[in-house]
């Protein structure tokens, strides 16, 4: 499983550890990924995603998972989140017809 946020697309960064003697050794900065369950109102179930802490705040700020995914462009999202977005769009279109 890749260390990448499926919402904000944040990944691993690299840099240096710098000692007091100014010796530099390579290191990795890992994103703060959390396994979070979001409630989807359209689907009527919880969706579990591996999201960074900033991604959780972004989803909550935009009004929940459904509203965030409907506004987000597909090229920023991972493949499994795009599938969830399409399922939500299909449910919303079915509810609009009925």
PDB file of N, CA and C in Angstrom:
ATOM      1  N   UNK A   1       0.840  -1.169   0.000  1.00  0.00           N
ATOM      2  CA  UNK A   1       0.000   0.000   0.000  1.00  0.00           C
ATOM      3  C   UNK A   1       0.892   1.240   0.000  1.00  0.00           C
ATOM      4  N   UNK A   2       0.615   2.142  -0.897  1.00  0.00           N
ATOM      5  CA  UNK A   2       1.438   3.334  -1.038  1.00  0.00           C
ATOM      6  C   UNK A   2       1.187   4.305   0.103  1.00  0.00           C
ATOM      7  N   UNK A   3       2.212   5.020   0.493  1.00  0.00           N
ATOM      8  CA  UNK A   3       2.061   6.038   1.531  1.00  0.00           C
ATOM      9  C   UNK A   3       1.641   7.339   0.861  1.00  0.00           C
ATOM     10  N   UNK A   4       0.393   7.391   0.428  1.00  0.00           N
ATOM     11  CA  UNK A   4      -0.127   8.544  -0.281  1.00  0.00           C
ATOM     12  C   UNK A   4      -1.570   8.765   0.149  1.00  0.00           C
ATOM     13  N   UNK A   5      -1.914  10.000   0.411  1.00  0.00           N
ATOM     14  CA  UNK A   5      -3.278  10.351   0.783  1.00  0.00           C
ATOM     15  C   UNK A   5      -4.159  10.231  -0.448  1.00  0.00           C
ATOM     16  N   UNK A   6      -5.306   9.562  -0.301  1.00  0.00           N
ATOM     17  CA  UNK A   6      -6.171   9.350  -1.463  1.00  0.00           C
ATOM     18  C   UNK A   6      -7.029  10.571  -1.764  1.00  0.00           C
ATOM     19  N   UNK A   7      -6.987  11.598  -0.931  1.00  0.00           N
ATOM     20  CA  UNK A   7      -7.786  12.797  -1.157  1.00  0.00           C
ATOM     21  C   UNK A   7      -6.910  13.972  -1.592  1.00  0.00           C
ATOM     22  N   UNK A   8      -5.868  14.279  -0.827  1.00  0.00           N
ATOM     23  CA  UNK A   8      -5.025  15.434  -1.135  1.00  0.00           C
ATOM     24  C   UNK A   8      -3.813  15.070  -1.981  1.00  0.00           C
ATOM     25  N   UNK A   9      -3.571  13.786  -2.176  1.00  0.00           N
ATOM     26  CA  UNK A   9      -2.465  13.282  -2.988  1.00  0.00           C
ATOM     27  C   UNK A   9      -1.099  13.603  -2.379  1.00  0.00           C
ATOM     28  N   UNK A  10      -1.049  13.813  -1.058  1.00  0.00           N
ATOM     29  CA  UNK A  10       0.221  14.031  -0.375  1.00  0.00           C
ATOM     30  C   UNK A  10       0.977  12.720  -0.309  1.00  0.00           C
ATOM     31  N   UNK A  11       2.291  12.782  -0.525  1.00  0.00           N
ATOM     32  CA  UNK A  11       3.115  11.581  -0.487  1.00  0.00           C
ATOM     33  C   UNK A  11       4.357  11.782   0.356  1.00  0.00           C
ATOM     34  N   UNK A  12       5.283  10.859   0.218  1.00  0.00           N
ATOM     35  CA  UNK A  12       6.529  10.891   0.972  1.00  0.00           C
ATOM     36  C   UNK A  12       7.451  11.948   0.371  1.00  0.00           C
ATOM     37  N   UNK A  13       8.073  12.737   1.253  1.00  0.00           N
ATOM     38  CA  UNK A  13       9.091  13.703   0.845  1.00  0.00           C
ATOM     39  C   UNK A  13      10.431  13.245   1.392  1.00  0.00           C
ATOM     40  N   UNK A  14      11.513  13.714   0.796  1.00  0.00           N
ATOM     41  CA  UNK A  14      12.834  13.347   1.290  1.00  0.00           C
ATOM     42  C   UNK A  14      13.617  14.607   1.637  1.00  0.00           C
ATOM     43  N   UNK A  15      14.571  14.439   2.545  1.00  0.00           N
ATOM     44  CA  UNK A  15      15.390  15.564   2.977  1.00  0.00           C
ATOM     45  C   UNK A  15      16.597  15.064   3.729  1.00  0.00           C
ATOM     46  N   UNK A  16      17.145  15.910   4.571  1.00  0.00           N
ATOM     47  CA  UNK A  16      18.350  15.581   5.320  1.00  0.00           C
ATOM     48  C   UNK A  16      18.119  15.683   6.814  1.00  0.00           C
ATOM     49  N   UNK A  17      18.725  14.749   7.563  1.00  0.00           N
ATOM     50  CA  UNK A  17      18.947  14.944   8.989  1.00  0.00           C
ATOM     51  C   UNK A  17      20.243  15.729   9.093  1.00  0.00           C
ATOM     52  N   UNK A  18      20.235  16.786   9.864  1.00  0.00           N
ATOM     53  CA  UNK A  18      21.445  17.595  10.020  1.00  0.00           C
ATOM     54  C   UNK A  18      21.848  17.556  11.485  1.00  0.00           C
ATOM     55  N   UNK A  19      23.043  17.032  11.767  1.00  0.00           N
ATOM     56  CA  UNK A  19      23.531  16.918  13.139  1.00  0.00           C
ATOM     57  C   UNK A  19      24.106  18.250  13.607  1.00  0.00           C
ATOM     58  N   UNK A  20      24.493  18.274  14.873  1.00  0.00           N
ATOM     59  CA  UNK A  20      25.108  19.473  15.439  1.00  0.00           C
ATOM     60  C   UNK A  20      26.425  19.790  14.720  1.00  0.00           C
ATOM     61  N   UNK A  21      27.130  18.751  14.265  1.00  0.00           N
ATOM     62  CA  UNK A  21      28.384  18.937  13.519  1.00  0.00           C
ATOM     63  C   UNK A  21      28.131  19.218  12.039  1.00  0.00           C
ATOM     64  N   UNK A  22      26.868  19.367  11.690  1.00  0.00           N
ATOM     65  CA  UNK A  22      26.429  19.680  10.329  1.00  0.00           C
ATOM     66  C   UNK A  22      26.667  18.531   9.347  1.00  0.00           C
ATOM     67  N   UNK A  23      26.686  17.294   9.866  1.00  0.00           N
ATOM     68  CA  UNK A  23      26.718  16.122   8.987  1.00  0.00           C
ATOM     69  C   UNK A  23      25.305  15.892   8.457  1.00  0.00           C
ATOM     70  N   UNK A  24      25.206  15.548   7.183  1.00  0.00           N
ATOM     71  CA  UNK A  24      23.893  15.361   6.565  1.00  0.00           C
ATOM     72  C   UNK A  24      23.709  13.898   6.174  1.00  0.00           C
ATOM     73  N   UNK A  25      22.599  13.323   6.600  1.00  0.00           N
ATOM     74  CA  UNK A  25      22.209  11.980   6.177  1.00  0.00           C
ATOM     75  C   UNK A  25      20.784  12.057   5.656  1.00  0.00           C
ATOM     76  N   UNK A  26      20.486  11.245   4.651  1.00  0.00           N
ATOM     77  CA  UNK A  26      19.169  11.298   4.016  1.00  0.00           C
ATOM     78  C   UNK A  26      18.103  10.724   4.943  1.00  0.00           C
ATOM     79  N   UNK A  27      16.910  11.279   4.844  1.00  0.00           N
ATOM     80  CA  UNK A  27      15.775  10.785   5.607  1.00  0.00           C
ATOM     81  C   UNK A  27      14.499  10.964   4.796  1.00  0.00           C
ATOM     82  N   UNK A  28      13.429  10.367   5.284  1.00  0.00           N
ATOM     83  CA  UNK A  28      12.128  10.474   4.616  1.00  0.00           C
ATOM     84  C   UNK A  28      11.129  11.131   5.554  1.00  0.00           C
ATOM     85  N   UNK A  29      10.334  12.035   5.004  1.00  0.00           N
ATOM     86  CA  UNK A  29       9.248  12.661   5.744  1.00  0.00           C
ATOM     87  C   UNK A  29       7.953  11.975   5.298  1.00  0.00           C
ATOM     88  N   UNK A  30       7.330  11.225   6.207  1.00  0.00           N
ATOM     89  CA  UNK A  30       6.111  10.485   5.873  1.00  0.00           C
ATOM     90  C   UNK A  30       4.889  11.347   6.153  1.00  0.00           C
ATOM     91  N   UNK A  31       3.855  11.238   5.309  1.00  0.00           N
ATOM     92  CA  UNK A  31       2.625  11.992   5.575  1.00  0.00           C
ATOM     93  C   UNK A  31       1.888  11.404   6.775  1.00  0.00           C
ATOM     94  N   UNK A  32       1.097  12.220   7.423  1.00  0.00           N
ATOM     95  CA  UNK A  32       0.337  11.809   8.608  1.00  0.00           C
ATOM     96  C   UNK A  32      -0.956  11.126   8.146  1.00  0.00           C
ATOM     97  N   UNK A  33      -0.852   9.856   7.744  1.00  0.00           N
ATOM     98  CA  UNK A  33      -2.004   9.127   7.227  1.00  0.00           C
ATOM     99  C   UNK A  33      -2.773   8.454   8.352  1.00  0.00           C
ATOM    100  N   UNK A  34      -4.092   8.544   8.254  1.00  0.00           N
ATOM    101  CA  UNK A  34      -4.987   7.931   9.222  1.00  0.00           C
ATOM    102  C   UNK A  34      -6.032   7.126   8.457  1.00  0.00           C
ATOM    103  N   UNK A  35      -6.476   6.025   9.049  1.00  0.00           N
ATOM    104  CA  UNK A  35      -7.567   5.240   8.473  1.00  0.00           C
ATOM    105  C   UNK A  35      -8.861   5.763   9.093  1.00  0.00           C
ATOM    106  N   UNK A  36      -9.679   6.428   8.282  1.00  0.00           N
ATOM    107  CA  UNK A  36     -10.855   7.131   8.785  1.00  0.00           C
ATOM    108  C   UNK A  36     -12.095   6.611   8.070  1.00  0.00           C
ATOM    109  N   UNK A  37     -13.196   6.476   8.819  1.00  0.00           N
ATOM    110  CA  UNK A  37     -14.491   6.112   8.247  1.00  0.00           C
ATOM    111  C   UNK A  37     -15.326   7.375   8.095  1.00  0.00           C
ATOM    112  N   UNK A  38     -15.757   7.643   6.871  1.00  0.00           N
ATOM    113  CA  UNK A  38     -16.619   8.782   6.590  1.00  0.00           C
ATOM    114  C   UNK A  38     -18.012   8.266   6.265  1.00  0.00           C
ATOM    115  N   UNK A  39     -19.033   8.939   6.772  1.00  0.00           N
ATOM    116  CA  UNK A  39     -20.409   8.554   6.482  1.00  0.00           C
ATOM    117  C   UNK A  39     -20.845   9.222   5.187  1.00  0.00           C
ATOM    118  N   UNK A  40     -21.307   8.406   4.252  1.00  0.00           N
ATOM    119  CA  UNK A  40     -21.838   8.921   3.001  1.00  0.00           C
ATOM    120  C   UNK A  40     -23.358   8.929   3.102  1.00  0.00           C
ATOM    121  N   UNK A  41     -23.948  10.123   3.003  1.00  0.00           N
ATOM    122  CA  UNK A  41     -25.402  10.237   3.109  1.00  0.00           C
ATOM    123  C   UNK A  41     -26.090   9.629   1.894  1.00  0.00           C
ATOM    124  N   UNK A  42     -25.495   9.786   0.727  1.00  0.00           N
ATOM    125  CA  UNK A  42     -26.119   9.263  -0.496  1.00  0.00           C
ATOM    126  C   UNK A  42     -26.092   7.739  -0.525  1.00  0.00           C
ATOM    127  N   UNK A  43     -24.960   7.150  -0.131  1.00  0.00           N
ATOM    128  CA  UNK A  43     -24.843   5.694  -0.157  1.00  0.00           C
ATOM    129  C   UNK A  43     -25.490   5.044   1.061  1.00  0.00           C
ATOM    130  N   UNK A  44     -25.625   5.794   2.142  1.00  0.00           N
ATOM    131  CA  UNK A  44     -26.221   5.263   3.357  1.00  0.00           C
ATOM    132  C   UNK A  44     -25.313   4.309   4.115  1.00  0.00           C
ATOM    133  N   UNK A  45     -24.001   4.456   3.953  1.00  0.00           N
ATOM    134  CA  UNK A  45     -23.054   3.588   4.635  1.00  0.00           C
ATOM    135  C   UNK A  45     -21.760   4.353   4.892  1.00  0.00           C
ATOM    136  N   UNK A  46     -20.908   3.751   5.708  1.00  0.00           N
ATOM    137  CA  UNK A  46     -19.599   4.334   5.983  1.00  0.00           C
ATOM    138  C   UNK A  46     -18.602   3.895   4.917  1.00  0.00           C
ATOM    139  N   UNK A  47     -17.716   4.789   4.558  1.00  0.00           N
ATOM    140  CA  UNK A  47     -16.653   4.519   3.593  1.00  0.00           C
ATOM    141  C   UNK A  47     -15.335   4.719   4.317  1.00  0.00           C
ATOM    142  N   UNK A  48     -14.479   3.692   4.296  1.00  0.00           N
ATOM    143  CA  UNK A  48     -13.197   3.766   4.991  1.00  0.00           C
ATOM    144  C   UNK A  48     -12.105   4.175   4.004  1.00  0.00           C
ATOM    145  N   UNK A  49     -11.388   5.254   4.340  1.00  0.00           N
ATOM    146  CA  UNK A  49     -10.335   5.792   3.484  1.00  0.00           C
ATOM    147  C   UNK A  49      -9.071   6.005   4.298  1.00  0.00           C
ATOM    148  N   UNK A  50      -7.931   5.961   3.618  1.00  0.00           N
ATOM    149  CA  UNK A  50      -6.640   6.274   4.230  1.00  0.00           C
ATOM    150  C   UNK A  50      -6.278   7.696   3.822  1.00  0.00           C
ATOM    151  N   UNK A  51      -6.479   8.625   4.756  1.00  0.00           N
ATOM    152  CA  UNK A  51      -6.436  10.048   4.454  1.00  0.00           C
ATOM    153  C   UNK A  51      -5.451  10.734   5.398  1.00  0.00           C
ATOM    154  N   UNK A  52      -4.801  11.783   4.913  1.00  0.00           N
ATOM    155  CA  UNK A  52      -3.935  12.572   5.777  1.00  0.00           C
ATOM    156  C   UNK A  52      -4.791  13.419   6.711  1.00  0.00           C
ATOM    157  N   UNK A  53      -4.178  13.928   7.765  1.00  0.00           N
ATOM    158  CA  UNK A  53      -4.901  14.760   8.727  1.00  0.00           C
ATOM    159  C   UNK A  53      -5.457  16.008   8.048  1.00  0.00           C
ATOM    160  N   UNK A  54      -4.725  16.565   7.105  1.00  0.00           N
ATOM    161  CA  UNK A  54      -5.212  17.726   6.365  1.00  0.00           C
ATOM    162  C   UNK A  54      -6.393  17.342   5.481  1.00  0.00           C
ATOM    163  N   UNK A  55      -6.358  16.124   4.935  1.00  0.00           N
ATOM    164  CA  UNK A  55      -7.476  15.651   4.115  1.00  0.00           C
ATOM    165  C   UNK A  55      -8.753  15.516   4.913  1.00  0.00           C
ATOM    166  N   UNK A  56      -8.657  15.059   6.166  1.00  0.00           N
ATOM    167  CA  UNK A  56      -9.831  14.948   7.038  1.00  0.00           C
ATOM    168  C   UNK A  56     -10.418  16.335   7.278  1.00  0.00           C
ATOM    169  N   UNK A  57      -9.563  17.305   7.568  1.00  0.00           N
ATOM    170  CA  UNK A  57     -10.026  18.673   7.802  1.00  0.00           C
ATOM    171  C   UNK A  57     -10.659  19.264   6.548  1.00  0.00           C
ATOM    172  N   UNK A  58     -10.104  18.957   5.375  1.00  0.00           N
ATOM    173  CA  UNK A  58     -10.643  19.466   4.124  1.00  0.00           C
ATOM    174  C   UNK A  58     -12.027  18.899   3.856  1.00  0.00           C
ATOM    175  N   UNK A  59     -12.197  17.594   4.068  1.00  0.00           N
ATOM    176  CA  UNK A  59     -13.494  16.964   3.842  1.00  0.00           C
ATOM    177  C   UNK A  59     -14.543  17.543   4.784  1.00  0.00           C
ATOM    178  N   UNK A  60     -14.189  17.724   6.057  1.00  0.00           N
ATOM    179  CA  UNK A  60     -15.140  18.278   7.020  1.00  0.00           C
ATOM    180  C   UNK A  60     -15.476  19.730   6.691  1.00  0.00           C
ATOM    181  N   UNK A  61     -14.502  20.499   6.210  1.00  0.00           N
ATOM    182  CA  UNK A  61     -14.735  21.897   5.871  1.00  0.00           C
ATOM    183  C   UNK A  61     -15.684  22.031   4.690  1.00  0.00           C
ATOM    184  N   UNK A  62     -15.581  21.134   3.729  1.00  0.00           N
ATOM    185  CA  UNK A  62     -16.416  21.191   2.533  1.00  0.00           C
ATOM    186  C   UNK A  62     -17.818  20.634   2.744  1.00  0.00           C
ATOM    187  N   UNK A  63     -18.118  20.131   3.944  1.00  0.00           N
ATOM    188  CA  UNK A  63     -19.481  19.703   4.231  1.00  0.00           C
ATOM    189  C   UNK A  63     -19.693  18.204   4.205  1.00  0.00           C
ATOM    190  N   UNK A  64     -18.657  17.421   4.293  1.00  0.00           N
ATOM    191  CA  UNK A  64     -18.794  15.967   4.319  1.00  0.00           C
ATOM    192  C   UNK A  64     -18.244  15.324   3.053  1.00  0.00           C
ATOM    193  N   UNK A  65     -18.269  13.999   3.057  1.00  0.00           N
ATOM    194  CA  UNK A  65     -17.662  13.239   1.966  1.00  0.00           C
ATOM    195  C   UNK A  65     -18.375  13.457   0.636  1.00  0.00           C
ATOM    196  N   UNK A  66     -19.702  13.422   0.641  1.00  0.00           N
ATOM    197  CA  UNK A  66     -20.460  13.546  -0.610  1.00  0.00           C
ATOM    198  C   UNK A  66     -20.218  14.896  -1.282  1.00  0.00           C
ATOM    199  N   UNK A  67     -20.293  15.961  -0.519  1.00  0.00           N
ATOM    200  CA  UNK A  67     -20.107  17.300  -1.088  1.00  0.00           C
ATOM    201  C   UNK A  67     -18.671  17.505  -1.564  1.00  0.00           C
ATOM    202  N   UNK A  68     -17.710  16.972  -0.798  1.00  0.00           N
ATOM    203  CA  UNK A  68     -16.309  17.106  -1.202  1.00  0.00           C
ATOM    204  C   UNK A  68     -16.050  16.394  -2.528  1.00  0.00           C
ATOM    205  N   UNK A  69     -16.532  15.158  -2.653  1.00  0.00           N
ATOM    206  CA  UNK A  69     -16.257  14.386  -3.865  1.00  0.00           C
ATOM    207  C   UNK A  69     -16.964  14.956  -5.082  1.00  0.00           C
ATOM    208  N   UNK A  70     -18.143  15.522  -4.919  1.00  0.00           N
ATOM    209  CA  UNK A  70     -18.850  16.093  -6.063  1.00  0.00           C
ATOM    210  C   UNK A  70     -18.136  17.337  -6.590  1.00  0.00           C
ATOM    211  N   UNK A  71     -17.421  18.058  -5.723  1.00  0.00           N
ATOM    212  CA  UNK A  71     -16.699  19.257  -6.147  1.00  0.00           C
ATOM    213  C   UNK A  71     -15.277  18.963  -6.617  1.00  0.00           C
ATOM    214  N   UNK A  72     -14.701  17.814  -6.201  1.00  0.00           N
ATOM    215  CA  UNK A  72     -13.294  17.510  -6.502  1.00  0.00           C
ATOM    216  C   UNK A  72     -13.141  17.031  -7.948  1.00  0.00           C
ATOM    217  N   UNK A  73     -12.024  17.391  -8.570  1.00  0.00           N
ATOM    218  CA  UNK A  73     -11.747  16.906  -9.930  1.00  0.00           C
ATOM    219  C   UNK A  73     -11.098  15.526  -9.849  1.00  0.00           C
ATOM    220  N   UNK A  74     -11.346  14.706 -10.862  1.00  0.00           N
ATOM    221  CA  UNK A  74     -10.931  13.307 -10.842  1.00  0.00           C
ATOM    222  C   UNK A  74      -9.420  13.127 -10.875  1.00  0.00           C
ATOM    223  N   UNK A  75      -8.683  14.030 -11.485  1.00  0.00           N
ATOM    224  CA  UNK A  75      -7.235  13.820 -11.614  1.00  0.00           C
ATOM    225  C   UNK A  75      -6.497  13.984 -10.280  1.00  0.00           C
ATOM    226  N   UNK A  76      -7.159  14.555  -9.257  1.00  0.00           N
ATOM    227  CA  UNK A  76      -6.536  14.682  -7.948  1.00  0.00           C
ATOM    228  C   UNK A  76      -6.822  13.491  -7.043  1.00  0.00           C
ATOM    229  N   UNK A  77      -7.794  12.651  -7.397  1.00  0.00           N
ATOM    230  CA  UNK A  77      -8.243  11.560  -6.526  1.00  0.00           C
ATOM    231  C   UNK A  77      -7.643  10.236  -6.958  1.00  0.00           C
ATOM    232  N   UNK A  78      -7.581   9.293  -6.014  1.00  0.00           N
ATOM    233  CA  UNK A  78      -7.099   7.946  -6.336  1.00  0.00           C
ATOM    234  C   UNK A  78      -8.220   7.142  -6.996  1.00  0.00           C
ATOM    235  N   UNK A  79      -7.877   5.971  -7.513  1.00  0.00           N
ATOM    236  CA  UNK A  79      -8.825   5.173  -8.293  1.00  0.00           C
ATOM    237  C   UNK A  79     -10.001   4.690  -7.448  1.00  0.00           C
ATOM    238  N   UNK A  80      -9.741   4.257  -6.208  1.00  0.00           N
ATOM    239  CA  UNK A  80     -10.858   3.765  -5.391  1.00  0.00           C
ATOM    240  C   UNK A  80     -11.777   4.901  -4.953  1.00  0.00           C
ATOM    241  N   UNK A  81     -11.255   6.106  -4.776  1.00  0.00           N
ATOM    242  CA  UNK A  81     -12.090   7.253  -4.414  1.00  0.00           C
ATOM    243  C   UNK A  81     -12.922   7.697  -5.618  1.00  0.00           C
ATOM    244  N   UNK A  82     -12.384   7.568  -6.819  1.00  0.00           N
ATOM    245  CA  UNK A  82     -13.156   7.890  -8.021  1.00  0.00           C
ATOM    246  C   UNK A  82     -14.334   6.934  -8.157  1.00  0.00           C
ATOM    247  N   UNK A  83     -14.130   5.660  -7.820  1.00  0.00           N
ATOM    248  CA  UNK A  83     -15.219   4.690  -7.860  1.00  0.00           C
ATOM    249  C   UNK A  83     -16.309   5.057  -6.855  1.00  0.00           C
ATOM    250  N   UNK A  84     -15.921   5.504  -5.676  1.00  0.00           N
ATOM    251  CA  UNK A  84     -16.899   5.943  -4.674  1.00  0.00           C
ATOM    252  C   UNK A  84     -17.631   7.185  -5.167  1.00  0.00           C
ATOM    253  N   UNK A  85     -16.914   8.096  -5.802  1.00  0.00           N
ATOM    254  CA  UNK A  85     -17.524   9.312  -6.335  1.00  0.00           C
ATOM    255  C   UNK A  85     -18.569   8.970  -7.391  1.00  0.00           C
ATOM    256  N   UNK A  86     -18.264   8.025  -8.262  1.00  0.00           N
ATOM    257  CA  UNK A  86     -19.226   7.625  -9.299  1.00  0.00           C
ATOM    258  C   UNK A  86     -20.453   6.958  -8.700  1.00  0.00           C
ATOM    259  N   UNK A  87     -20.257   6.152  -7.652  1.00  0.00           N
ATOM    260  CA  UNK A  87     -21.389   5.506  -6.985  1.00  0.00           C
ATOM    261  C   UNK A  87     -22.287   6.549  -6.327  1.00  0.00           C
ATOM    262  N   UNK A  88     -21.687   7.572  -5.721  1.00  0.00           N
ATOM    263  CA  UNK A  88     -22.461   8.640  -5.106  1.00  0.00           C
ATOM    264  C   UNK A  88     -23.219   9.435  -6.173  1.00  0.00           C
ATOM    265  N   UNK A  89     -22.562   9.744  -7.285  1.00  0.00           N
ATOM    266  CA  UNK A  89     -23.220  10.472  -8.366  1.00  0.00           C
ATOM    267  C   UNK A  89     -24.391   9.675  -8.938  1.00  0.00           C
ATOM    268  N   UNK A  90     -24.219   8.363  -9.072  1.00  0.00           N
ATOM    269  CA  UNK A  90     -25.288   7.508  -9.582  1.00  0.00           C
ATOM    270  C   UNK A  90     -26.475   7.487  -8.638  1.00  0.00           C
ATOM    271  N   UNK A  91     -26.213   7.388  -7.329  1.00  0.00           N
ATOM    272  CA  UNK A  91     -27.295   7.419  -6.334  1.00  0.00           C
ATOM    273  C   UNK A  91     -28.024   8.748  -6.338  1.00  0.00           C
ATOM    274  N   UNK A  92     -27.264   9.843  -6.433  1.00  0.00           N
ATOM    275  CA  UNK A  92     -27.880  11.160  -6.434  1.00  0.00           C
ATOM    276  C   UNK A  92     -28.724  11.388  -7.685  1.00  0.00           C
ATOM    277  N   UNK A  93     -28.274  10.872  -8.834  1.00  0.00           N
ATOM    278  CA  UNK A  93     -29.055  11.011 -10.054  1.00  0.00           C
ATOM    279  C   UNK A  93     -30.319  10.158 -10.007  1.00  0.00           C
ATOM    280  N   UNK A  94     -30.237   8.982  -9.374  1.00  0.00           N
ATOM    281  CA  UNK A  94     -31.426   8.129  -9.212  1.00  0.00           C
ATOM    282  C   UNK A  94     -32.438   8.793  -8.279  1.00  0.00           C
ATOM    283  N   UNK A  95     -31.966   9.431  -7.230  1.00  0.00           N
ATOM    284  CA  UNK A  95     -32.867  10.111  -6.308  1.00  0.00           C
ATOM    285  C   UNK A  95     -33.523  11.328  -6.969  1.00  0.00           C
ATOM    286  N   UNK A  96     -32.793  11.972  -7.874  1.00  0.00           N
ATOM    287  CA  UNK A  96     -33.342  13.129  -8.590  1.00  0.00           C
ATOM    288  C   UNK A  96     -34.431  12.739  -9.562  1.00  0.00           C
ATOM    289  N   UNK A  97     -34.346  11.546 -10.157  1.00  0.00           N
ATOM    290  CA  UNK A  97     -35.348  11.068 -11.106  1.00  0.00           C
ATOM    291  C   UNK A  97     -36.621  10.627 -10.413  1.00  0.00           C
ATOM    292  N   UNK A  98     -36.471  10.103  -9.194  1.00  0.00           N
ATOM    293  CA  UNK A  98     -37.647   9.568  -8.484  1.00  0.00           C
ATOM    294  C   UNK A  98     -38.488  10.635  -7.840  1.00  0.00           C
TER     295      UNK A  98
END
